[in-house]
């Protein structure tokens, strides 16, 4: 098992795409939605990732307050409305 604490040099400037299951991992209580992109960027930066970051959130957006959706979208997080059939 490799225990990397930082990005390997060849990946430091690579683009990073974050896929977020917002339905099962919602914005934490007490966290401002507009801070999510910044917090993820900082976490990646702390691991020496410096390339461009894109974040896509997937889930049933009907269950998310309009103000939260607006705050997330305003930071560049792409919201994707996905409803799974439970059949």
PDB file of N, CA and C in Angstrom:
ATOM      1  N   UNK A   1       0.841  -1.188   0.000  1.00  0.00           N
ATOM      2  CA  UNK A   1       0.000   0.000   0.000  1.00  0.00           C
ATOM      3  C   UNK A   1       0.879   1.241   0.000  1.00  0.00           C
ATOM      4  N   UNK A   2       0.569   2.184  -0.882  1.00  0.00           N
ATOM      5  CA  UNK A   2       1.319   3.429  -0.969  1.00  0.00           C
ATOM      6  C   UNK A   2       0.643   4.454  -0.060  1.00  0.00           C
ATOM      7  N   UNK A   3       1.440   5.151   0.722  1.00  0.00           N
ATOM      8  CA  UNK A   3       0.906   6.150   1.651  1.00  0.00           C
ATOM      9  C   UNK A   3       1.383   7.525   1.216  1.00  0.00           C
ATOM     10  N   UNK A   4       0.792   8.040   0.124  1.00  0.00           N
ATOM     11  CA  UNK A   4       1.192   9.347  -0.389  1.00  0.00           C
ATOM     12  C   UNK A   4       0.563  10.463   0.438  1.00  0.00           C
ATOM     13  N   UNK A   5       1.385  11.413   0.819  1.00  0.00           N
ATOM     14  CA  UNK A   5       0.893  12.577   1.548  1.00  0.00           C
ATOM     15  C   UNK A   5       0.700  13.764   0.613  1.00  0.00           C
ATOM     16  N   UNK A   6       1.347  13.742  -0.551  1.00  0.00           N
ATOM     17  CA  UNK A   6       1.231  14.813  -1.533  1.00  0.00           C
ATOM     18  C   UNK A   6       1.180  14.205  -2.930  1.00  0.00           C
ATOM     19  N   UNK A   7       0.786  15.029  -3.872  1.00  0.00           N
ATOM     20  CA  UNK A   7       0.703  14.585  -5.266  1.00  0.00           C
ATOM     21  C   UNK A   7       2.083  14.217  -5.789  1.00  0.00           C
ATOM     22  N   UNK A   8       2.119  13.196  -6.627  1.00  0.00           N
ATOM     23  CA  UNK A   8       3.356  12.887  -7.328  1.00  0.00           C
ATOM     24  C   UNK A   8       3.632  14.041  -8.287  1.00  0.00           C
ATOM     25  N   UNK A   9       4.899  14.340  -8.499  1.00  0.00           N
ATOM     26  CA  UNK A   9       5.296  15.489  -9.328  1.00  0.00           C
ATOM     27  C   UNK A   9       4.588  15.501 -10.675  1.00  0.00           C
ATOM     28  N   UNK A  10       4.454  14.345 -11.308  1.00  0.00           N
ATOM     29  CA  UNK A  10       3.843  14.300 -12.641  1.00  0.00           C
ATOM     30  C   UNK A  10       2.351  14.642 -12.635  1.00  0.00           C
ATOM     31  N   UNK A  11       1.720  14.648 -11.448  1.00  0.00           N
ATOM     32  CA  UNK A  11       0.298  14.968 -11.358  1.00  0.00           C
ATOM     33  C   UNK A  11       0.018  16.335 -10.740  1.00  0.00           C
ATOM     34  N   UNK A  12       1.041  17.031 -10.269  1.00  0.00           N
ATOM     35  CA  UNK A  12       0.831  18.291  -9.547  1.00  0.00           C
ATOM     36  C   UNK A  12       0.047  19.330 -10.332  1.00  0.00           C
ATOM     37  N   UNK A  13       0.283  19.425 -11.627  1.00  0.00           N
ATOM     38  CA  UNK A  13      -0.379  20.442 -12.444  1.00  0.00           C
ATOM     39  C   UNK A  13      -1.483  19.876 -13.328  1.00  0.00           C
ATOM     40  N   UNK A  14      -1.827  18.621 -13.106  1.00  0.00           N
ATOM     41  CA  UNK A  14      -2.878  17.980 -13.903  1.00  0.00           C
ATOM     42  C   UNK A  14      -4.252  18.524 -13.520  1.00  0.00           C
ATOM     43  N   UNK A  15      -5.153  18.585 -14.477  1.00  0.00           N
ATOM     44  CA  UNK A  15      -6.525  18.987 -14.147  1.00  0.00           C
ATOM     45  C   UNK A  15      -7.147  17.969 -13.187  1.00  0.00           C
ATOM     46  N   UNK A  16      -7.962  18.457 -12.269  1.00  0.00           N
ATOM     47  CA  UNK A  16      -8.637  17.582 -11.306  1.00  0.00           C
ATOM     48  C   UNK A  16     -10.135  17.798 -11.429  1.00  0.00           C
ATOM     49  N   UNK A  17     -10.858  16.695 -11.556  1.00  0.00           N
ATOM     50  CA  UNK A  17     -12.313  16.745 -11.634  1.00  0.00           C
ATOM     51  C   UNK A  17     -12.857  16.054 -10.404  1.00  0.00           C
ATOM     52  N   UNK A  18     -13.659  16.768  -9.637  1.00  0.00           N
ATOM     53  CA  UNK A  18     -14.274  16.231  -8.436  1.00  0.00           C
ATOM     54  C   UNK A  18     -15.731  15.911  -8.752  1.00  0.00           C
ATOM     55  N   UNK A  19     -16.110  14.653  -8.565  1.00  0.00           N
ATOM     56  CA  UNK A  19     -17.505  14.212  -8.729  1.00  0.00           C
ATOM     57  C   UNK A  19     -18.113  14.110  -7.337  1.00  0.00           C
ATOM     58  N   UNK A  20     -19.120  14.893  -7.069  1.00  0.00           N
ATOM     59  CA  UNK A  20     -19.692  14.998  -5.739  1.00  0.00           C
ATOM     60  C   UNK A  20     -21.115  14.436  -5.732  1.00  0.00           C
ATOM     61  N   UNK A  21     -21.346  13.430  -4.918  1.00  0.00           N
ATOM     62  CA  UNK A  21     -22.685  12.883  -4.711  1.00  0.00           C
ATOM     63  C   UNK A  21     -23.357  13.749  -3.651  1.00  0.00           C
ATOM     64  N   UNK A  22     -23.962  14.821  -4.091  1.00  0.00           N
ATOM     65  CA  UNK A  22     -24.517  15.815  -3.170  1.00  0.00           C
ATOM     66  C   UNK A  22     -25.763  15.303  -2.454  1.00  0.00           C
ATOM     67  N   UNK A  23     -26.377  14.285  -3.016  1.00  0.00           N
ATOM     68  CA  UNK A  23     -27.575  13.730  -2.383  1.00  0.00           C
ATOM     69  C   UNK A  23     -27.211  12.927  -1.135  1.00  0.00           C
ATOM     70  N   UNK A  24     -26.149  12.149  -1.221  1.00  0.00           N
ATOM     71  CA  UNK A  24     -25.725  11.313  -0.089  1.00  0.00           C
ATOM     72  C   UNK A  24     -24.631  11.963   0.751  1.00  0.00           C
ATOM     73  N   UNK A  25     -24.062  13.037   0.250  1.00  0.00           N
ATOM     74  CA  UNK A  25     -23.024  13.783   0.967  1.00  0.00           C
ATOM     75  C   UNK A  25     -23.340  15.275   0.802  1.00  0.00           C
ATOM     76  N   UNK A  26     -24.381  15.751   1.509  1.00  0.00           N
ATOM     77  CA  UNK A  26     -24.825  17.133   1.323  1.00  0.00           C
ATOM     78  C   UNK A  26     -23.859  18.148   1.921  1.00  0.00           C
ATOM     79  N   UNK A  27     -24.138  19.399   1.645  1.00  0.00           N
ATOM     80  CA  UNK A  27     -23.369  20.487   2.260  1.00  0.00           C
ATOM     81  C   UNK A  27     -23.496  20.320   3.776  1.00  0.00           C
ATOM     82  N   UNK A  28     -22.384  20.235   4.502  1.00  0.00           N
ATOM     83  CA  UNK A  28     -22.456  20.028   5.954  1.00  0.00           C
ATOM     84  C   UNK A  28     -23.162  21.183   6.660  1.00  0.00           C
ATOM     85  N   UNK A  29     -23.895  20.837   7.715  1.00  0.00           N
ATOM     86  CA  UNK A  29     -24.551  21.875   8.520  1.00  0.00           C
ATOM     87  C   UNK A  29     -23.495  22.817   9.068  1.00  0.00           C
ATOM     88  N   UNK A  30     -23.786  24.083   9.023  1.00  0.00           N
ATOM     89  CA  UNK A  30     -22.856  25.090   9.520  1.00  0.00           C
ATOM     90  C   UNK A  30     -21.818  25.536   8.501  1.00  0.00           C
ATOM     91  N   UNK A  31     -21.795  24.874   7.343  1.00  0.00           N
ATOM     92  CA  UNK A  31     -20.848  25.243   6.287  1.00  0.00           C
ATOM     93  C   UNK A  31     -21.577  26.094   5.262  1.00  0.00           C
ATOM     94  N   UNK A  32     -20.991  27.191   4.904  1.00  0.00           N
ATOM     95  CA  UNK A  32     -21.578  28.053   3.889  1.00  0.00           C
ATOM     96  C   UNK A  32     -21.347  27.430   2.512  1.00  0.00           C
ATOM     97  N   UNK A  33     -22.410  27.279   1.738  1.00  0.00           N
ATOM     98  CA  UNK A  33     -22.314  26.632   0.425  1.00  0.00           C
ATOM     99  C   UNK A  33     -21.291  27.305  -0.473  1.00  0.00           C
ATOM    100  N   UNK A  34     -21.189  28.633  -0.400  1.00  0.00           N
ATOM    101  CA  UNK A  34     -20.252  29.348  -1.263  1.00  0.00           C
ATOM    102  C   UNK A  34     -18.797  29.091  -0.890  1.00  0.00           C
ATOM    103  N   UNK A  35     -18.548  28.429   0.240  1.00  0.00           N
ATOM    104  CA  UNK A  35     -17.182  28.116   0.668  1.00  0.00           C
ATOM    105  C   UNK A  35     -16.708  26.735   0.195  1.00  0.00           C
ATOM    106  N   UNK A  36     -17.611  25.917  -0.333  1.00  0.00           N
ATOM    107  CA  UNK A  36     -17.272  24.540  -0.696  1.00  0.00           C
ATOM    108  C   UNK A  36     -16.150  24.482  -1.724  1.00  0.00           C
ATOM    109  N   UNK A  37     -16.278  25.242  -2.812  1.00  0.00           N
ATOM    110  CA  UNK A  37     -15.248  25.211  -3.857  1.00  0.00           C
ATOM    111  C   UNK A  37     -13.897  25.602  -3.267  1.00  0.00           C
ATOM    112  N   UNK A  38     -13.882  26.656  -2.480  1.00  0.00           N
ATOM    113  CA  UNK A  38     -12.632  27.126  -1.870  1.00  0.00           C
ATOM    114  C   UNK A  38     -12.037  26.063  -0.936  1.00  0.00           C
ATOM    115  N   UNK A  39     -12.870  25.397  -0.153  1.00  0.00           N
ATOM    116  CA  UNK A  39     -12.375  24.377   0.779  1.00  0.00           C
ATOM    117  C   UNK A  39     -11.777  23.177   0.029  1.00  0.00           C
ATOM    118  N   UNK A  40     -12.434  22.770  -1.045  1.00  0.00           N
ATOM    119  CA  UNK A  40     -11.908  21.660  -1.848  1.00  0.00           C
ATOM    120  C   UNK A  40     -10.603  22.074  -2.521  1.00  0.00           C
ATOM    121  N   UNK A  41     -10.565  23.276  -3.056  1.00  0.00           N
ATOM    122  CA  UNK A  41      -9.342  23.788  -3.686  1.00  0.00           C
ATOM    123  C   UNK A  41      -8.188  23.835  -2.692  1.00  0.00           C
ATOM    124  N   UNK A  42      -8.460  24.297  -1.476  1.00  0.00           N
ATOM    125  CA  UNK A  42      -7.423  24.368  -0.451  1.00  0.00           C
ATOM    126  C   UNK A  42      -6.929  22.975  -0.066  1.00  0.00           C
ATOM    127  N   UNK A  43      -7.857  22.025   0.067  1.00  0.00           N
ATOM    128  CA  UNK A  43      -7.463  20.655   0.409  1.00  0.00           C
ATOM    129  C   UNK A  43      -6.548  20.071  -0.666  1.00  0.00           C
ATOM    130  N   UNK A  44      -6.882  20.310  -1.937  1.00  0.00           N
ATOM    131  CA  UNK A  44      -6.040  19.821  -3.030  1.00  0.00           C
ATOM    132  C   UNK A  44      -4.699  20.547  -3.056  1.00  0.00           C
ATOM    133  N   UNK A  45      -4.715  21.835  -2.816  1.00  0.00           N
ATOM    134  CA  UNK A  45      -3.484  22.621  -2.771  1.00  0.00           C
ATOM    135  C   UNK A  45      -2.550  22.119  -1.664  1.00  0.00           C
ATOM    136  N   UNK A  46      -3.124  21.758  -0.534  1.00  0.00           N
ATOM    137  CA  UNK A  46      -2.325  21.224   0.582  1.00  0.00           C
ATOM    138  C   UNK A  46      -1.650  19.906   0.233  1.00  0.00           C
ATOM    139  N   UNK A  47      -2.171  19.239  -0.803  1.00  0.00           N
ATOM    140  CA  UNK A  47      -1.572  17.992  -1.286  1.00  0.00           C
ATOM    141  C   UNK A  47      -0.701  18.233  -2.515  1.00  0.00           C
ATOM    142  N   UNK A  48      -0.403  19.505  -2.791  1.00  0.00           N
ATOM    143  CA  UNK A  48       0.442  19.944  -3.910  1.00  0.00           C
ATOM    144  C   UNK A  48      -0.219  19.844  -5.280  1.00  0.00           C
ATOM    145  N   UNK A  49      -1.532  19.724  -5.333  1.00  0.00           N
ATOM    146  CA  UNK A  49      -2.221  19.774  -6.620  1.00  0.00           C
ATOM    147  C   UNK A  49      -2.447  21.243  -6.947  1.00  0.00           C
ATOM    148  N   UNK A  50      -1.945  21.687  -8.092  1.00  0.00           N
ATOM    149  CA  UNK A  50      -2.057  23.094  -8.453  1.00  0.00           C
ATOM    150  C   UNK A  50      -2.725  23.314  -9.809  1.00  0.00           C
ATOM    151  N   UNK A  51      -3.147  22.247 -10.448  1.00  0.00           N
ATOM    152  CA  UNK A  51      -3.792  22.363 -11.753  1.00  0.00           C
ATOM    153  C   UNK A  51      -5.218  22.857 -11.630  1.00  0.00           C
ATOM    154  N   UNK A  52      -5.866  23.059 -12.759  1.00  0.00           N
ATOM    155  CA  UNK A  52      -7.250  23.529 -12.751  1.00  0.00           C
ATOM    156  C   UNK A  52      -8.182  22.502 -12.100  1.00  0.00           C
ATOM    157  N   UNK A  53      -9.197  23.013 -11.411  1.00  0.00           N
ATOM    158  CA  UNK A  53     -10.139  22.155 -10.693  1.00  0.00           C
ATOM    159  C   UNK A  53     -11.537  22.398 -11.235  1.00  0.00           C
ATOM    160  N   UNK A  54     -12.258  21.319 -11.478  1.00  0.00           N
ATOM    161  CA  UNK A  54     -13.679  21.439 -11.796  1.00  0.00           C
ATOM    162  C   UNK A  54     -14.434  20.513 -10.853  1.00  0.00           C
ATOM    163  N   UNK A  55     -15.583  20.977 -10.410  1.00  0.00           N
ATOM    164  CA  UNK A  55     -16.394  20.216  -9.465  1.00  0.00           C
ATOM    165  C   UNK A  55     -17.789  20.069 -10.049  1.00  0.00           C
ATOM    166  N   UNK A  56     -18.266  18.838 -10.092  1.00  0.00           N
ATOM    167  CA  UNK A  56     -19.613  18.542 -10.561  1.00  0.00           C
ATOM    168  C   UNK A  56     -20.365  17.839  -9.443  1.00  0.00           C
ATOM    169  N   UNK A  57     -21.527  18.366  -9.095  1.00  0.00           N
ATOM    170  CA  UNK A  57     -22.368  17.763  -8.067  1.00  0.00           C
ATOM    171  C   UNK A  57     -23.514  17.027  -8.756  1.00  0.00           C
ATOM    172  N   UNK A  58     -23.791  15.810  -8.290  1.00  0.00           N
ATOM    173  CA  UNK A  58     -24.836  14.973  -8.867  1.00  0.00           C
ATOM    174  C   UNK A  58     -25.827  14.569  -7.791  1.00  0.00           C
ATOM    175  N   UNK A  59     -27.109  14.601  -8.124  1.00  0.00           N
ATOM    176  CA  UNK A  59     -28.138  14.170  -7.192  1.00  0.00           C
ATOM    177  C   UNK A  59     -29.470  14.813  -7.524  1.00  0.00           C
ATOM    178  N   UNK A  60     -30.461  14.507  -6.707  1.00  0.00           N
ATOM    179  CA  UNK A  60     -31.783  15.075  -6.873  1.00  0.00           C
ATOM    180  C   UNK A  60     -31.764  16.493  -6.328  1.00  0.00           C
ATOM    181  N   UNK A  61     -31.692  17.457  -7.215  1.00  0.00           N
ATOM    182  CA  UNK A  61     -31.575  18.856  -6.828  1.00  0.00           C
ATOM    183  C   UNK A  61     -32.880  19.418  -6.268  1.00  0.00           C
ATOM    184  N   UNK A  62     -33.981  18.657  -6.397  1.00  0.00           N
ATOM    185  CA  UNK A  62     -35.258  19.110  -5.843  1.00  0.00           C
ATOM    186  C   UNK A  62     -35.205  19.194  -4.313  1.00  0.00           C
ATOM    187  N   UNK A  63     -34.284  18.469  -3.699  1.00  0.00           N
ATOM    188  CA  UNK A  63     -34.186  18.426  -2.238  1.00  0.00           C
ATOM    189  C   UNK A  63     -33.190  19.447  -1.680  1.00  0.00           C
ATOM    190  N   UNK A  64     -32.665  20.295  -2.538  1.00  0.00           N
ATOM    191  CA  UNK A  64     -31.669  21.287  -2.116  1.00  0.00           C
ATOM    192  C   UNK A  64     -32.290  22.674  -2.219  1.00  0.00           C
ATOM    193  N   UNK A  65     -32.129  23.443  -1.172  1.00  0.00           N
ATOM    194  CA  UNK A  65     -32.707  24.791  -1.136  1.00  0.00           C
ATOM    195  C   UNK A  65     -32.189  25.622  -2.310  1.00  0.00           C
ATOM    196  N   UNK A  66     -33.066  26.418  -2.917  1.00  0.00           N
ATOM    197  CA  UNK A  66     -32.640  27.262  -4.036  1.00  0.00           C
ATOM    198  C   UNK A  66     -31.446  28.155  -3.686  1.00  0.00           C
ATOM    199  N   UNK A  67     -31.403  28.668  -2.469  1.00  0.00           N
ATOM    200  CA  UNK A  67     -30.282  29.540  -2.074  1.00  0.00           C
ATOM    201  C   UNK A  67     -28.965  28.771  -2.056  1.00  0.00           C
ATOM    202  N   UNK A  68     -29.003  27.501  -1.671  1.00  0.00           N
ATOM    203  CA  UNK A  68     -27.798  26.671  -1.657  1.00  0.00           C
ATOM    204  C   UNK A  68     -27.364  26.376  -3.087  1.00  0.00           C
ATOM    205  N   UNK A  69     -28.323  26.039  -3.953  1.00  0.00           N
ATOM    206  CA  UNK A  69     -27.990  25.773  -5.355  1.00  0.00           C
ATOM    207  C   UNK A  69     -27.383  27.012  -6.005  1.00  0.00           C
ATOM    208  N   UNK A  70     -27.950  28.168  -5.720  1.00  0.00           N
ATOM    209  CA  UNK A  70     -27.431  29.415  -6.282  1.00  0.00           C
ATOM    210  C   UNK A  70     -26.015  29.696  -5.782  1.00  0.00           C
ATOM    211  N   UNK A  71     -25.788  29.481  -4.481  1.00  0.00           N
ATOM    212  CA  UNK A  71     -24.460  29.723  -3.907  1.00  0.00           C
ATOM    213  C   UNK A  71     -23.423  28.780  -4.518  1.00  0.00           C
ATOM    214  N   UNK A  72     -23.774  27.518  -4.670  1.00  0.00           N
ATOM    215  CA  UNK A  72     -22.837  26.549  -5.265  1.00  0.00           C
ATOM    216  C   UNK A  72     -22.542  26.914  -6.711  1.00  0.00           C
ATOM    217  N   UNK A  73     -23.586  27.211  -7.474  1.00  0.00           N
ATOM    218  CA  UNK A  73     -23.411  27.554  -8.888  1.00  0.00           C
ATOM    219  C   UNK A  73     -22.562  28.802  -9.064  1.00  0.00           C
ATOM    220  N   UNK A  74     -22.712  29.753  -8.153  1.00  0.00           N
ATOM    221  CA  UNK A  74     -21.973  31.011  -8.281  1.00  0.00           C
ATOM    222  C   UNK A  74     -20.466  30.822  -8.135  1.00  0.00           C
ATOM    223  N   UNK A  75     -20.046  29.694  -7.554  1.00  0.00           N
ATOM    224  CA  UNK A  75     -18.610  29.431  -7.393  1.00  0.00           C
ATOM    225  C   UNK A  75     -18.047  28.604  -8.539  1.00  0.00           C
ATOM    226  N   UNK A  76     -18.911  28.181  -9.450  1.00  0.00           N
ATOM    227  CA  UNK A  76     -18.440  27.392 -10.587  1.00  0.00           C
ATOM    228  C   UNK A  76     -18.729  25.910 -10.459  1.00  0.00           C
ATOM    229  N   UNK A  77     -19.340  25.492  -9.360  1.00  0.00           N
ATOM    230  CA  UNK A  77     -19.721  24.084  -9.219  1.00  0.00           C
ATOM    231  C   UNK A  77     -20.896  23.819 -10.152  1.00  0.00           C
ATOM    232  N   UNK A  78     -20.765  22.775 -10.959  1.00  0.00           N
ATOM    233  CA  UNK A  78     -21.810  22.422 -11.918  1.00  0.00           C
ATOM    234  C   UNK A  78     -22.782  21.468 -11.231  1.00  0.00           C
ATOM    235  N   UNK A  79     -24.056  21.844 -11.228  1.00  0.00           N
ATOM    236  CA  UNK A  79     -25.097  21.032 -10.595  1.00  0.00           C
ATOM    237  C   UNK A  79     -25.793  20.190 -11.654  1.00  0.00           C
ATOM    238  N   UNK A  80     -25.857  18.886 -11.406  1.00  0.00           N
ATOM    239  CA  UNK A  80     -26.468  17.954 -12.343  1.00  0.00           C
ATOM    240  C   UNK A  80     -27.624  17.245 -11.646  1.00  0.00           C
ATOM    241  N   UNK A  81     -28.842  17.531 -12.107  1.00  0.00           N
ATOM    242  CA  UNK A  81     -30.032  16.919 -11.512  1.00  0.00           C
ATOM    243  C   UNK A  81     -30.150  15.483 -11.999  1.00  0.00           C
ATOM    244  N   UNK A  82     -30.056  14.548 -11.071  1.00  0.00           N
ATOM    245  CA  UNK A  82     -30.132  13.134 -11.392  1.00  0.00           C
ATOM    246  C   UNK A  82     -31.105  12.482 -10.411  1.00  0.00           C
ATOM    247  N   UNK A  83     -32.099  11.791 -10.946  1.00  0.00           N
ATOM    248  CA  UNK A  83     -33.047  11.061 -10.114  1.00  0.00           C
ATOM    249  C   UNK A  83     -32.947   9.590 -10.496  1.00  0.00           C
ATOM    250  N   UNK A  84     -32.625   8.773  -9.525  1.00  0.00           N
ATOM    251  CA  UNK A  84     -32.531   7.335  -9.774  1.00  0.00           C
ATOM    252  C   UNK A  84     -33.865   6.680  -9.490  1.00  0.00           C
ATOM    253  N   UNK A  85     -34.272   5.791 -10.370  1.00  0.00           N
ATOM    254  CA  UNK A  85     -35.500   5.025 -10.135  1.00  0.00           C
ATOM    255  C   UNK A  85     -35.198   3.910  -9.161  1.00  0.00           C
ATOM    256  N   UNK A  86     -36.037   3.733  -8.183  1.00  0.00           N
ATOM    257  CA  UNK A  86     -35.822   2.673  -7.191  1.00  0.00           C
ATOM    258  C   UNK A  86     -36.724   1.495  -7.494  1.00  0.00           C
ATOM    259  N   UNK A  87     -36.504   0.892  -8.661  1.00  0.00           N
ATOM    260  CA  UNK A  87     -37.327  -0.253  -9.037  1.00  0.00           C
ATOM    261  C   UNK A  87     -36.544  -1.524  -8.998  1.00  0.00           C
TER     262      UNK A  87
END
